């Protein structure tokens, strides 16, 4: 069973004894299912206008910066929500923040606006979202190659909260914030990126194949 805990400022989606989704109450609508005597969420953000038509999503992604984990939930009707995947990730070594040129991982609600790299070989290096044809060496120890290489797959994020992560100097899309693979797999689980969300290469392939464009992505601390 998925339940909600409310306080004055936020609501928290509780799944498997872990608090993994935090959303301001002003962005939510709630109703009570009398049969189960529990509150559920209807994510009205899926109705917002964006450059990509937001689909009737089967999945929602949340990224918990404090845990360095990415969670995938299935069935956004919340009639039978399931936590289907948990992946370790790496967010920014500079912390969280939405400002241009900050190299920080942005907070708030995003959608996957583009999926890039389908069919590319594992470890393929992308530059400016183009397949270079080069293959990176994958490190599973704590090697830091001092380069922010983007490998295997790219999920390009677009913020959908004007003034927070959309528009002006806080625009996640213009900052080129991605979920992507990295050759530094041994560092996954620690905050070492330059703003993007890094994943292990096999994990990003699996996620890429699982979720469609338009999938909601909530990044929180």
N, C-alpha and C. Protein backbone atom coordinates (compact mmCIF):
# COMPACT_ATOMS: atom_id res chain seq x y z
N UNK A 1 0.82 -1.19 0.00
CA UNK A 1 0.00 0.00 0.00
C UNK A 1 0.86 1.24 0.00
N UNK A 2 0.49 2.22 -0.78
CA UNK A 2 1.21 3.47 -0.86
C UNK A 2 0.44 4.52 -0.10
N UNK A 3 1.05 5.15 0.90
CA UNK A 3 0.38 6.16 1.69
C UNK A 3 1.07 7.48 1.61
N UNK A 4 0.37 8.53 2.04
CA UNK A 4 0.94 9.86 2.05
C UNK A 4 0.99 10.41 3.46
N UNK A 5 2.06 11.13 3.74
CA UNK A 5 2.16 11.87 4.99
C UNK A 5 2.21 13.34 4.62
N UNK A 6 1.33 14.14 5.22
CA UNK A 6 1.26 15.55 4.90
C UNK A 6 1.77 16.39 6.06
N UNK A 7 2.48 17.47 5.75
CA UNK A 7 2.70 18.51 6.72
C UNK A 7 2.35 19.83 6.06
N UNK A 8 2.73 20.95 6.67
CA UNK A 8 2.28 22.24 6.19
C UNK A 8 2.78 22.57 4.78
N UNK A 9 3.99 22.12 4.46
CA UNK A 9 4.62 22.55 3.22
C UNK A 9 4.73 21.50 2.14
N UNK A 10 4.63 20.23 2.48
CA UNK A 10 4.90 19.24 1.47
C UNK A 10 4.14 17.95 1.74
N UNK A 11 4.06 17.12 0.72
CA UNK A 11 3.54 15.78 0.91
C UNK A 11 4.61 14.81 0.48
N UNK A 12 4.61 13.64 1.07
CA UNK A 12 5.66 12.66 0.84
C UNK A 12 5.02 11.33 0.46
N UNK A 13 5.42 10.80 -0.64
CA UNK A 13 4.96 9.48 -1.06
C UNK A 13 5.82 8.43 -0.39
N UNK A 14 5.19 7.57 0.39
CA UNK A 14 5.93 6.57 1.14
C UNK A 14 5.78 5.22 0.43
N UNK A 15 6.91 4.64 0.06
CA UNK A 15 6.91 3.36 -0.62
C UNK A 15 7.92 2.45 0.05
N UNK A 16 7.48 1.28 0.46
CA UNK A 16 8.38 0.30 1.08
C UNK A 16 9.19 0.89 2.21
N UNK A 17 8.51 1.67 3.07
CA UNK A 17 9.12 2.26 4.27
C UNK A 17 10.16 3.32 3.96
N UNK A 18 10.29 3.74 2.69
CA UNK A 18 11.23 4.79 2.35
C UNK A 18 10.48 6.01 1.85
N UNK A 19 10.88 7.20 2.32
CA UNK A 19 10.29 8.43 1.82
C UNK A 19 11.08 8.84 0.59
N UNK A 20 10.47 8.67 -0.56
CA UNK A 20 11.25 8.85 -1.77
C UNK A 20 10.71 9.92 -2.70
N UNK A 21 9.54 10.47 -2.45
CA UNK A 21 8.98 11.48 -3.33
C UNK A 21 8.46 12.64 -2.51
N UNK A 22 9.04 13.81 -2.70
CA UNK A 22 8.64 14.99 -1.96
C UNK A 22 8.18 16.05 -2.96
N UNK A 23 6.93 16.48 -2.85
CA UNK A 23 6.38 17.47 -3.75
C UNK A 23 5.63 18.54 -2.96
N UNK A 24 5.83 19.82 -3.27
CA UNK A 24 5.07 20.87 -2.60
C UNK A 24 3.57 20.66 -2.77
N UNK A 25 2.82 20.90 -1.72
CA UNK A 25 1.38 20.65 -1.75
C UNK A 25 0.67 21.50 -2.79
N UNK A 26 1.23 22.67 -3.10
CA UNK A 26 0.57 23.54 -4.06
C UNK A 26 0.53 22.90 -5.45
N UNK A 27 1.37 21.88 -5.71
CA UNK A 27 1.40 21.27 -7.02
C UNK A 27 0.59 19.97 -7.07
N UNK A 28 -0.14 19.69 -6.00
CA UNK A 28 -0.83 18.41 -5.93
C UNK A 28 -2.32 18.57 -5.72
N UNK A 29 -3.04 17.56 -6.12
CA UNK A 29 -4.45 17.45 -5.80
C UNK A 29 -4.62 16.12 -5.08
N UNK A 30 -5.42 16.06 -4.05
CA UNK A 30 -5.57 14.81 -3.30
C UNK A 30 -7.05 14.48 -3.11
N UNK A 31 -7.32 13.25 -2.96
CA UNK A 31 -8.67 12.82 -2.63
C UNK A 31 -8.58 11.57 -1.77
N UNK A 32 -9.65 11.25 -1.11
CA UNK A 32 -9.62 10.13 -0.17
C UNK A 32 -10.38 8.95 -0.75
N UNK A 33 -9.74 7.81 -0.72
CA UNK A 33 -10.37 6.55 -1.10
C UNK A 33 -10.97 5.96 0.18
N UNK A 34 -12.28 6.02 0.32
CA UNK A 34 -12.90 5.62 1.58
C UNK A 34 -12.68 4.14 1.88
N UNK A 35 -12.62 3.34 0.86
CA UNK A 35 -12.45 1.91 1.07
C UNK A 35 -11.15 1.61 1.80
N UNK A 36 -10.07 2.28 1.41
CA UNK A 36 -8.78 2.01 1.99
C UNK A 36 -8.39 3.01 3.07
N UNK A 37 -9.18 4.10 3.20
CA UNK A 37 -8.91 5.13 4.20
C UNK A 37 -7.48 5.65 4.08
N UNK A 38 -7.10 5.96 2.88
CA UNK A 38 -5.75 6.46 2.64
C UNK A 38 -5.81 7.50 1.54
N UNK A 39 -4.91 8.49 1.60
CA UNK A 39 -4.85 9.53 0.58
C UNK A 39 -3.92 9.12 -0.55
N UNK A 40 -4.31 9.51 -1.75
CA UNK A 40 -3.48 9.25 -2.92
C UNK A 40 -3.26 10.53 -3.70
N UNK A 41 -2.26 10.49 -4.59
CA UNK A 41 -1.90 11.68 -5.35
C UNK A 41 -2.44 11.61 -6.77
N UNK A 42 -2.93 12.73 -7.26
CA UNK A 42 -3.15 12.90 -8.70
C UNK A 42 -2.20 13.97 -9.17
N UNK A 43 -1.25 13.64 -10.01
CA UNK A 43 -0.21 14.59 -10.41
C UNK A 43 -0.72 15.48 -11.54
N UNK A 44 -1.25 16.65 -11.16
CA UNK A 44 -1.81 17.56 -12.13
C UNK A 44 -0.76 18.14 -13.07
N UNK A 45 0.52 17.99 -12.68
CA UNK A 45 1.57 18.52 -13.55
C UNK A 45 1.57 17.86 -14.92
N UNK A 46 1.02 16.67 -15.02
CA UNK A 46 0.98 15.99 -16.31
C UNK A 46 0.08 16.72 -17.29
N UNK A 47 -0.73 17.65 -16.79
CA UNK A 47 -1.62 18.42 -17.65
C UNK A 47 -1.00 19.72 -18.14
N UNK A 48 0.20 20.05 -17.64
CA UNK A 48 0.84 21.30 -18.02
C UNK A 48 1.24 21.27 -19.49
N UNK A 49 1.22 22.43 -20.10
CA UNK A 49 1.62 22.55 -21.49
C UNK A 49 3.14 22.56 -21.57
N UNK A 50 3.70 21.78 -22.48
CA UNK A 50 5.15 21.79 -22.70
C UNK A 50 5.42 21.61 -24.18
N UNK A 51 6.68 21.65 -24.56
CA UNK A 51 7.03 21.49 -25.97
C UNK A 51 6.85 20.05 -26.43
N UNK A 52 6.74 19.15 -25.51
CA UNK A 52 6.46 17.75 -25.83
C UNK A 52 5.12 17.40 -25.22
N UNK A 53 4.29 16.72 -25.94
CA UNK A 53 3.01 16.31 -25.39
C UNK A 53 3.25 15.30 -24.28
N UNK A 54 2.82 15.64 -23.06
CA UNK A 54 3.01 14.72 -21.93
C UNK A 54 2.03 13.57 -22.10
N UNK A 55 2.55 12.40 -22.13
CA UNK A 55 1.73 11.22 -22.39
C UNK A 55 1.00 10.79 -21.13
N UNK A 56 0.04 9.90 -21.31
CA UNK A 56 -0.62 9.29 -20.15
C UNK A 56 0.38 8.31 -19.56
N UNK A 57 1.27 8.85 -18.76
CA UNK A 57 2.45 8.12 -18.32
C UNK A 57 2.11 6.85 -17.56
N UNK A 58 2.88 5.81 -17.87
CA UNK A 58 2.84 4.59 -17.09
C UNK A 58 3.88 4.64 -15.98
N UNK A 59 4.81 5.59 -16.06
CA UNK A 59 5.91 5.64 -15.11
C UNK A 59 6.14 7.06 -14.60
N UNK A 60 6.68 7.15 -13.40
CA UNK A 60 7.20 8.39 -12.83
C UNK A 60 8.58 8.08 -12.27
N UNK A 61 9.52 8.99 -12.49
CA UNK A 61 10.87 8.87 -11.95
C UNK A 61 11.04 9.90 -10.85
N UNK A 62 11.62 9.49 -9.73
CA UNK A 62 12.06 10.44 -8.72
C UNK A 62 13.55 10.21 -8.45
N UNK A 63 14.26 11.31 -8.22
CA UNK A 63 15.69 11.24 -7.93
C UNK A 63 15.92 11.87 -6.58
N UNK A 64 16.42 11.09 -5.64
CA UNK A 64 16.69 11.54 -4.28
C UNK A 64 18.18 11.86 -4.16
N UNK A 65 18.49 13.16 -4.13
CA UNK A 65 19.89 13.58 -4.10
C UNK A 65 20.58 13.12 -2.81
N UNK A 66 19.86 13.15 -1.70
CA UNK A 66 20.46 12.77 -0.42
C UNK A 66 20.84 11.30 -0.38
N UNK A 67 20.10 10.48 -1.11
CA UNK A 67 20.38 9.04 -1.15
C UNK A 67 21.19 8.64 -2.37
N UNK A 68 21.34 9.57 -3.33
CA UNK A 68 22.00 9.26 -4.60
C UNK A 68 21.35 8.03 -5.25
N UNK A 69 20.02 8.10 -5.34
CA UNK A 69 19.27 7.00 -5.94
C UNK A 69 18.17 7.53 -6.84
N UNK A 70 17.85 6.75 -7.86
CA UNK A 70 16.76 7.04 -8.78
C UNK A 70 15.72 5.94 -8.64
N UNK A 71 14.47 6.36 -8.47
CA UNK A 71 13.36 5.43 -8.27
C UNK A 71 12.40 5.51 -9.45
N UNK A 72 11.92 4.37 -9.92
CA UNK A 72 10.94 4.32 -11.00
C UNK A 72 9.66 3.71 -10.46
N UNK A 73 8.57 4.47 -10.59
CA UNK A 73 7.26 4.00 -10.16
C UNK A 73 6.40 3.71 -11.37
N UNK A 74 5.57 2.69 -11.24
CA UNK A 74 4.67 2.28 -12.30
C UNK A 74 3.23 2.54 -11.88
N UNK A 75 2.40 2.95 -12.84
CA UNK A 75 0.97 3.20 -12.66
C UNK A 75 0.72 4.53 -11.96
N UNK A 76 0.75 5.62 -12.71
CA UNK A 76 0.57 6.94 -12.12
C UNK A 76 -0.87 7.27 -11.79
N UNK A 77 -1.80 6.35 -12.06
CA UNK A 77 -3.17 6.56 -11.60
C UNK A 77 -3.24 6.42 -10.08
N UNK A 78 -2.19 5.84 -9.49
CA UNK A 78 -2.08 5.62 -8.06
C UNK A 78 -3.18 4.71 -7.50
N UNK A 79 -3.76 3.92 -8.37
CA UNK A 79 -4.69 2.89 -7.88
C UNK A 79 -3.90 1.69 -7.36
N UNK A 80 -2.77 1.45 -7.97
CA UNK A 80 -1.93 0.32 -7.56
C UNK A 80 -0.48 0.65 -7.87
N UNK A 81 0.05 1.70 -7.22
CA UNK A 81 1.41 2.17 -7.51
C UNK A 81 2.42 1.11 -7.11
N UNK A 82 3.39 0.91 -7.98
CA UNK A 82 4.45 -0.05 -7.70
C UNK A 82 5.81 0.60 -7.89
N UNK A 83 6.70 0.37 -6.96
CA UNK A 83 8.09 0.75 -7.12
C UNK A 83 8.76 -0.38 -7.89
N UNK A 84 9.12 -0.11 -9.15
CA UNK A 84 9.58 -1.20 -10.00
C UNK A 84 11.10 -1.26 -10.18
N UNK A 85 11.78 -0.11 -10.02
CA UNK A 85 13.22 -0.08 -10.19
C UNK A 85 13.84 0.92 -9.24
N UNK A 86 15.03 0.59 -8.72
CA UNK A 86 15.84 1.53 -7.96
C UNK A 86 17.26 1.45 -8.50
N UNK A 87 17.82 2.59 -8.87
CA UNK A 87 19.18 2.62 -9.41
C UNK A 87 20.05 3.58 -8.61
N UNK A 88 21.31 3.25 -8.39
CA UNK A 88 22.25 4.22 -7.83
C UNK A 88 22.61 5.24 -8.90
N UNK A 89 22.82 6.48 -8.49
CA UNK A 89 23.18 7.54 -9.43
C UNK A 89 24.26 8.42 -8.83
N UNK A 90 24.73 9.36 -9.61
CA UNK A 90 25.61 10.41 -9.12
C UNK A 90 25.06 11.75 -9.58
N UNK A 91 24.86 12.65 -8.62
CA UNK A 91 24.46 14.02 -8.94
C UNK A 91 25.68 14.93 -8.78
N UNK A 92 25.46 16.24 -8.78
CA UNK A 92 26.57 17.18 -8.86
C UNK A 92 27.43 17.24 -7.61
N UNK A 93 28.74 17.32 -7.81
CA UNK A 93 29.68 17.52 -6.70
C UNK A 93 29.58 18.94 -6.14
N UNK A 94 28.88 19.81 -6.85
CA UNK A 94 28.71 21.20 -6.39
C UNK A 94 27.39 21.39 -5.63
N UNK A 95 26.64 20.31 -5.47
CA UNK A 95 25.38 20.40 -4.74
C UNK A 95 24.19 20.62 -5.66
N UNK A 96 23.10 21.12 -5.10
CA UNK A 96 21.87 21.33 -5.86
C UNK A 96 21.66 22.82 -6.09
N UNK A 97 21.05 23.12 -7.22
CA UNK A 97 20.78 24.51 -7.57
C UNK A 97 20.36 24.60 -9.01
N UNK A 98 19.60 25.61 -9.33
CA UNK A 98 19.00 25.71 -10.66
C UNK A 98 19.63 26.78 -11.54
N UNK A 99 20.63 27.48 -11.03
CA UNK A 99 21.20 28.60 -11.75
C UNK A 99 22.06 28.22 -12.94
N UNK A 100 22.02 29.06 -13.95
CA UNK A 100 22.84 28.89 -15.14
C UNK A 100 24.33 28.91 -14.76
N UNK A 101 25.09 28.02 -15.37
CA UNK A 101 26.54 27.92 -15.16
C UNK A 101 26.95 27.54 -13.73
N UNK A 102 26.00 27.09 -12.93
CA UNK A 102 26.32 26.72 -11.54
C UNK A 102 26.95 25.34 -11.43
N UNK A 103 26.76 24.51 -12.44
CA UNK A 103 27.19 23.11 -12.43
C UNK A 103 26.52 22.31 -11.31
N UNK A 104 25.39 22.79 -10.84
CA UNK A 104 24.64 22.10 -9.80
C UNK A 104 23.48 21.32 -10.40
N UNK A 105 23.05 20.29 -9.69
CA UNK A 105 21.90 19.51 -10.13
C UNK A 105 20.61 20.25 -9.80
N UNK A 106 19.76 20.49 -10.78
CA UNK A 106 18.54 21.26 -10.53
C UNK A 106 17.48 20.45 -9.78
N UNK A 107 16.73 21.15 -8.96
CA UNK A 107 15.62 20.54 -8.24
C UNK A 107 14.31 20.79 -8.99
N UNK A 108 13.28 20.07 -8.57
CA UNK A 108 11.94 20.32 -9.09
C UNK A 108 11.50 19.31 -10.12
N UNK A 109 10.38 19.64 -10.75
CA UNK A 109 9.71 18.72 -11.66
C UNK A 109 10.15 18.96 -13.10
N UNK A 110 10.49 17.88 -13.76
CA UNK A 110 10.96 17.90 -15.15
C UNK A 110 10.20 16.84 -15.94
N UNK A 111 10.35 16.90 -17.25
CA UNK A 111 9.94 15.78 -18.09
C UNK A 111 11.13 15.37 -18.96
N UNK A 112 11.10 14.13 -19.41
CA UNK A 112 12.08 13.67 -20.40
C UNK A 112 11.62 14.20 -21.75
N UNK A 113 12.39 15.15 -22.29
CA UNK A 113 11.97 15.81 -23.53
C UNK A 113 12.56 15.13 -24.76
N UNK A 114 13.66 14.39 -24.59
CA UNK A 114 14.27 13.69 -25.72
C UNK A 114 15.07 12.50 -25.22
N UNK A 115 15.05 11.43 -26.01
CA UNK A 115 15.84 10.23 -25.76
C UNK A 115 16.84 10.10 -26.91
N UNK A 116 18.12 10.03 -26.56
CA UNK A 116 19.18 10.08 -27.56
C UNK A 116 20.12 8.90 -27.37
N UNK A 117 20.46 8.25 -28.48
CA UNK A 117 21.47 7.19 -28.43
C UNK A 117 20.95 5.78 -28.54
N UNK A 118 19.68 5.63 -28.86
CA UNK A 118 19.12 4.28 -28.97
C UNK A 118 19.92 3.41 -29.94
N UNK A 119 20.29 2.23 -29.50
CA UNK A 119 21.03 1.30 -30.35
C UNK A 119 22.54 1.46 -30.33
N UNK A 120 23.03 2.52 -29.69
CA UNK A 120 24.48 2.72 -29.62
C UNK A 120 25.12 1.65 -28.74
N UNK A 121 26.36 1.31 -29.05
CA UNK A 121 27.10 0.32 -28.27
C UNK A 121 27.34 0.85 -26.86
N UNK A 122 27.38 -0.03 -25.91
CA UNK A 122 27.64 0.36 -24.53
C UNK A 122 29.02 1.04 -24.45
N UNK A 123 29.07 2.16 -23.76
CA UNK A 123 30.30 2.91 -23.64
C UNK A 123 30.52 3.94 -24.73
N UNK A 124 29.61 4.02 -25.71
CA UNK A 124 29.74 5.01 -26.79
C UNK A 124 29.79 6.42 -26.21
N UNK A 125 30.73 7.21 -26.68
CA UNK A 125 30.90 8.58 -26.20
C UNK A 125 30.07 9.54 -27.06
N UNK A 126 29.29 10.40 -26.39
CA UNK A 126 28.50 11.42 -27.07
C UNK A 126 29.09 12.80 -26.77
N UNK A 127 29.16 13.62 -27.80
CA UNK A 127 29.57 15.01 -27.64
C UNK A 127 28.53 15.89 -28.31
N UNK A 128 28.00 16.85 -27.56
CA UNK A 128 26.90 17.69 -28.05
C UNK A 128 25.76 16.81 -28.57
N UNK A 129 25.54 15.72 -27.87
CA UNK A 129 24.45 14.76 -28.15
C UNK A 129 24.65 13.99 -29.46
N UNK A 130 25.85 14.04 -30.02
CA UNK A 130 26.14 13.31 -31.24
C UNK A 130 27.04 12.11 -30.93
N UNK A 131 26.74 11.00 -31.58
CA UNK A 131 27.53 9.78 -31.44
C UNK A 131 28.88 9.98 -32.11
N UNK A 132 29.96 9.93 -31.32
CA UNK A 132 31.30 10.14 -31.87
C UNK A 132 31.87 8.88 -32.52
N UNK A 133 31.27 7.73 -32.21
CA UNK A 133 31.81 6.47 -32.70
C UNK A 133 32.92 5.92 -31.82
N UNK A 134 33.35 6.70 -30.83
CA UNK A 134 34.40 6.25 -29.92
C UNK A 134 33.78 5.54 -28.72
N UNK A 135 34.51 4.59 -28.18
CA UNK A 135 34.05 3.82 -27.03
C UNK A 135 34.94 4.12 -25.83
N UNK A 136 34.34 4.48 -24.73
CA UNK A 136 35.10 4.80 -23.52
C UNK A 136 35.46 3.54 -22.75
N UNK A 137 36.59 3.57 -22.08
CA UNK A 137 36.93 2.52 -21.13
C UNK A 137 36.10 2.72 -19.88
N UNK A 138 35.48 1.65 -19.39
CA UNK A 138 34.61 1.73 -18.22
C UNK A 138 35.41 1.35 -16.98
N UNK A 139 35.40 2.23 -15.98
CA UNK A 139 36.13 2.00 -14.74
C UNK A 139 35.14 1.62 -13.63
N UNK A 140 35.41 0.50 -12.97
CA UNK A 140 34.55 0.05 -11.88
C UNK A 140 35.17 0.28 -10.51
N UNK A 141 36.40 0.84 -10.50
CA UNK A 141 37.01 1.22 -9.22
C UNK A 141 36.76 2.72 -9.00
N UNK A 142 37.52 3.35 -8.14
CA UNK A 142 37.27 4.76 -7.83
C UNK A 142 38.07 5.72 -8.72
N UNK A 143 38.42 5.26 -9.91
CA UNK A 143 39.15 6.10 -10.86
C UNK A 143 38.33 7.32 -11.26
N UNK A 144 38.95 8.50 -11.20
CA UNK A 144 38.36 9.74 -11.67
C UNK A 144 39.16 10.18 -12.88
N UNK A 145 38.55 10.11 -14.06
CA UNK A 145 39.30 10.39 -15.29
C UNK A 145 39.42 11.89 -15.59
N UNK A 146 38.83 12.72 -14.73
CA UNK A 146 38.93 14.18 -14.87
C UNK A 146 38.25 14.70 -16.13
N UNK A 147 37.42 13.88 -16.76
CA UNK A 147 36.65 14.32 -17.91
C UNK A 147 35.19 13.95 -17.67
N UNK A 148 34.30 14.84 -18.03
CA UNK A 148 32.88 14.60 -17.83
C UNK A 148 32.30 13.98 -19.10
N UNK A 149 32.70 12.74 -19.37
CA UNK A 149 32.24 12.06 -20.58
C UNK A 149 30.79 11.60 -20.44
N UNK A 150 30.06 11.70 -21.52
CA UNK A 150 28.67 11.25 -21.59
C UNK A 150 28.64 10.01 -22.46
N UNK A 151 28.17 8.90 -21.90
CA UNK A 151 28.25 7.63 -22.61
C UNK A 151 26.90 6.92 -22.71
N UNK A 152 26.78 6.11 -23.74
CA UNK A 152 25.78 5.07 -23.95
C UNK A 152 24.38 5.58 -24.30
N UNK A 153 23.75 6.36 -23.43
CA UNK A 153 22.40 6.88 -23.67
C UNK A 153 22.25 8.24 -22.99
N UNK A 154 21.31 9.04 -23.52
CA UNK A 154 20.99 10.34 -22.93
C UNK A 154 19.48 10.48 -22.80
N UNK A 155 19.04 10.88 -21.62
CA UNK A 155 17.66 11.32 -21.40
C UNK A 155 17.73 12.81 -21.06
N UNK A 156 17.28 13.64 -21.97
CA UNK A 156 17.39 15.11 -21.82
C UNK A 156 16.19 15.62 -21.05
N UNK A 157 16.45 16.37 -19.99
CA UNK A 157 15.39 16.84 -19.11
C UNK A 157 14.99 18.28 -19.42
N UNK A 158 13.71 18.55 -19.29
CA UNK A 158 13.17 19.90 -19.43
C UNK A 158 12.38 20.25 -18.17
N UNK A 159 12.73 21.35 -17.53
CA UNK A 159 11.96 21.79 -16.38
C UNK A 159 10.60 22.29 -16.80
N UNK A 160 9.60 22.09 -15.94
CA UNK A 160 8.24 22.55 -16.25
C UNK A 160 7.68 23.42 -15.13
N UNK A 161 8.59 24.04 -14.35
CA UNK A 161 8.18 24.98 -13.32
C UNK A 161 8.78 26.35 -13.65
N UNK A 162 8.00 27.24 -14.27
CA UNK A 162 8.53 28.54 -14.66
C UNK A 162 9.13 29.30 -13.48
N UNK A 163 10.33 29.83 -13.69
CA UNK A 163 11.01 30.58 -12.65
C UNK A 163 11.78 29.73 -11.67
N UNK A 164 11.58 28.42 -11.73
CA UNK A 164 12.30 27.49 -10.84
C UNK A 164 13.29 26.66 -11.64
N UNK A 165 12.80 26.00 -12.69
CA UNK A 165 13.70 25.23 -13.55
C UNK A 165 13.37 25.40 -15.03
N UNK A 166 12.53 26.39 -15.32
CA UNK A 166 12.15 26.68 -16.70
C UNK A 166 12.24 28.19 -16.95
N UNK A 167 12.94 28.55 -18.02
CA UNK A 167 13.02 29.95 -18.41
C UNK A 167 14.17 30.70 -17.75
N UNK A 168 14.55 31.81 -18.37
CA UNK A 168 15.56 32.69 -17.80
C UNK A 168 16.88 32.01 -17.51
N UNK A 169 17.44 32.33 -16.35
CA UNK A 169 18.74 31.78 -15.95
C UNK A 169 18.63 30.50 -15.13
N UNK A 170 17.44 29.90 -15.11
CA UNK A 170 17.26 28.66 -14.32
C UNK A 170 16.71 27.53 -15.19
N UNK A 171 16.92 27.62 -16.49
CA UNK A 171 16.29 26.68 -17.41
C UNK A 171 17.11 25.38 -17.54
N UNK A 172 16.56 24.30 -17.03
CA UNK A 172 17.28 23.01 -17.05
C UNK A 172 17.54 22.52 -18.46
N UNK A 173 16.59 22.75 -19.37
CA UNK A 173 16.77 22.31 -20.75
C UNK A 173 17.94 23.03 -21.40
N UNK A 174 17.98 24.35 -21.26
CA UNK A 174 19.08 25.12 -21.85
C UNK A 174 20.42 24.84 -21.16
N UNK A 175 20.37 24.40 -19.92
CA UNK A 175 21.59 23.99 -19.22
C UNK A 175 22.07 22.61 -19.67
N UNK A 176 21.26 21.94 -20.49
CA UNK A 176 21.59 20.59 -20.98
C UNK A 176 21.77 19.62 -19.81
N UNK A 177 20.75 19.55 -18.98
CA UNK A 177 20.74 18.60 -17.87
C UNK A 177 20.22 17.27 -18.38
N UNK A 178 21.03 16.24 -18.25
CA UNK A 178 20.68 14.91 -18.74
C UNK A 178 20.72 13.88 -17.60
N UNK A 179 20.06 12.77 -17.86
CA UNK A 179 20.37 11.50 -17.20
C UNK A 179 21.18 10.72 -18.23
N UNK A 180 22.39 10.29 -17.88
CA UNK A 180 23.25 9.69 -18.90
C UNK A 180 24.22 8.68 -18.28
N UNK A 181 24.83 7.90 -19.15
CA UNK A 181 25.85 6.95 -18.71
C UNK A 181 27.18 7.64 -18.49
N UNK A 182 28.07 6.95 -17.77
CA UNK A 182 29.40 7.49 -17.46
C UNK A 182 30.43 6.37 -17.48
N UNK A 183 31.67 6.66 -17.85
CA UNK A 183 32.72 5.64 -17.74
C UNK A 183 33.19 5.45 -16.30
N UNK A 184 32.85 6.38 -15.40
CA UNK A 184 33.30 6.31 -14.00
C UNK A 184 32.26 5.58 -13.13
N UNK A 185 32.02 4.33 -13.47
CA UNK A 185 30.98 3.59 -12.77
C UNK A 185 31.32 3.34 -11.30
N UNK A 186 32.59 3.28 -10.97
CA UNK A 186 32.98 3.06 -9.59
C UNK A 186 32.66 4.21 -8.67
N UNK A 187 32.36 5.38 -9.24
CA UNK A 187 32.02 6.56 -8.45
C UNK A 187 30.51 6.76 -8.31
N UNK A 188 29.74 5.91 -8.99
CA UNK A 188 28.28 6.01 -8.88
C UNK A 188 27.87 5.76 -7.43
N UNK A 189 26.95 6.58 -6.96
CA UNK A 189 26.53 6.51 -5.56
C UNK A 189 27.11 7.65 -4.74
N UNK A 190 28.00 8.41 -5.36
CA UNK A 190 28.56 9.60 -4.73
C UNK A 190 28.34 10.80 -5.65
N UNK A 191 28.30 11.98 -5.08
CA UNK A 191 28.02 13.19 -5.85
C UNK A 191 29.30 13.68 -6.52
N UNK A 192 29.46 13.37 -7.80
CA UNK A 192 30.71 13.70 -8.51
C UNK A 192 30.49 14.33 -9.88
N UNK A 193 29.25 14.54 -10.28
CA UNK A 193 29.00 15.04 -11.63
C UNK A 193 29.15 16.56 -11.69
N UNK A 194 28.95 17.10 -12.89
CA UNK A 194 28.97 18.55 -13.09
C UNK A 194 27.56 19.10 -13.29
N UNK A 195 26.58 18.43 -12.73
CA UNK A 195 25.20 18.90 -12.81
C UNK A 195 24.21 17.86 -13.27
N UNK A 196 24.64 17.00 -14.20
CA UNK A 196 23.74 15.96 -14.71
C UNK A 196 23.59 14.82 -13.70
N UNK A 197 22.73 13.88 -14.03
CA UNK A 197 22.54 12.68 -13.23
C UNK A 197 23.20 11.53 -13.98
N UNK A 198 24.25 11.00 -13.40
CA UNK A 198 24.99 9.90 -14.02
C UNK A 198 24.44 8.55 -13.57
N UNK A 199 24.50 7.58 -14.48
CA UNK A 199 24.11 6.21 -14.17
C UNK A 199 25.14 5.24 -14.74
N UNK A 200 25.14 4.03 -14.21
CA UNK A 200 25.94 2.97 -14.81
C UNK A 200 25.39 2.69 -16.21
N UNK A 201 26.24 2.23 -17.09
CA UNK A 201 25.87 2.12 -18.50
C UNK A 201 24.77 1.09 -18.75
N UNK A 202 24.84 -0.05 -18.11
CA UNK A 202 23.76 -1.03 -18.29
C UNK A 202 22.46 -0.52 -17.69
N UNK A 203 22.56 0.25 -16.60
CA UNK A 203 21.36 0.80 -15.98
C UNK A 203 20.68 1.84 -16.87
N UNK A 204 21.47 2.72 -17.50
CA UNK A 204 20.86 3.74 -18.34
C UNK A 204 20.23 3.12 -19.58
N UNK A 205 20.81 2.04 -20.09
CA UNK A 205 20.17 1.33 -21.21
C UNK A 205 18.81 0.78 -20.78
N UNK A 206 18.78 0.17 -19.62
CA UNK A 206 17.52 -0.40 -19.12
C UNK A 206 16.47 0.68 -18.90
N UNK A 207 16.88 1.80 -18.28
CA UNK A 207 15.94 2.89 -18.05
C UNK A 207 15.49 3.50 -19.36
N UNK A 208 16.41 3.70 -20.28
CA UNK A 208 16.11 4.26 -21.60
C UNK A 208 15.04 3.44 -22.30
N UNK A 209 15.18 2.13 -22.24
CA UNK A 209 14.23 1.23 -22.91
C UNK A 209 12.89 1.15 -22.17
N UNK A 210 12.89 1.50 -20.89
CA UNK A 210 11.69 1.36 -20.07
C UNK A 210 10.73 2.53 -20.18
N UNK A 211 11.26 3.76 -20.14
CA UNK A 211 10.38 4.93 -20.02
C UNK A 211 10.31 5.71 -21.32
N UNK A 212 9.15 6.29 -21.64
CA UNK A 212 9.00 7.06 -22.87
C UNK A 212 9.33 8.53 -22.68
N UNK A 213 9.48 9.24 -23.79
CA UNK A 213 9.52 10.70 -23.73
C UNK A 213 8.24 11.21 -23.08
N UNK A 214 8.35 12.28 -22.31
CA UNK A 214 7.19 12.80 -21.59
C UNK A 214 7.07 12.30 -20.17
N UNK A 215 7.93 11.33 -19.80
CA UNK A 215 7.90 10.80 -18.43
C UNK A 215 8.27 11.89 -17.43
N UNK A 216 7.52 11.97 -16.35
CA UNK A 216 7.75 12.94 -15.30
C UNK A 216 8.96 12.54 -14.47
N UNK A 217 9.84 13.53 -14.17
CA UNK A 217 11.03 13.30 -13.36
C UNK A 217 11.07 14.35 -12.26
N UNK A 218 11.00 13.93 -11.03
CA UNK A 218 11.04 14.84 -9.87
C UNK A 218 12.40 14.67 -9.17
N UNK A 219 13.14 15.77 -9.07
CA UNK A 219 14.44 15.75 -8.40
C UNK A 219 14.30 16.49 -7.07
N UNK A 220 14.67 15.85 -5.98
CA UNK A 220 14.52 16.46 -4.65
C UNK A 220 15.68 16.07 -3.75
N UNK A 221 15.82 16.79 -2.64
CA UNK A 221 16.86 16.50 -1.69
C UNK A 221 16.37 15.50 -0.66
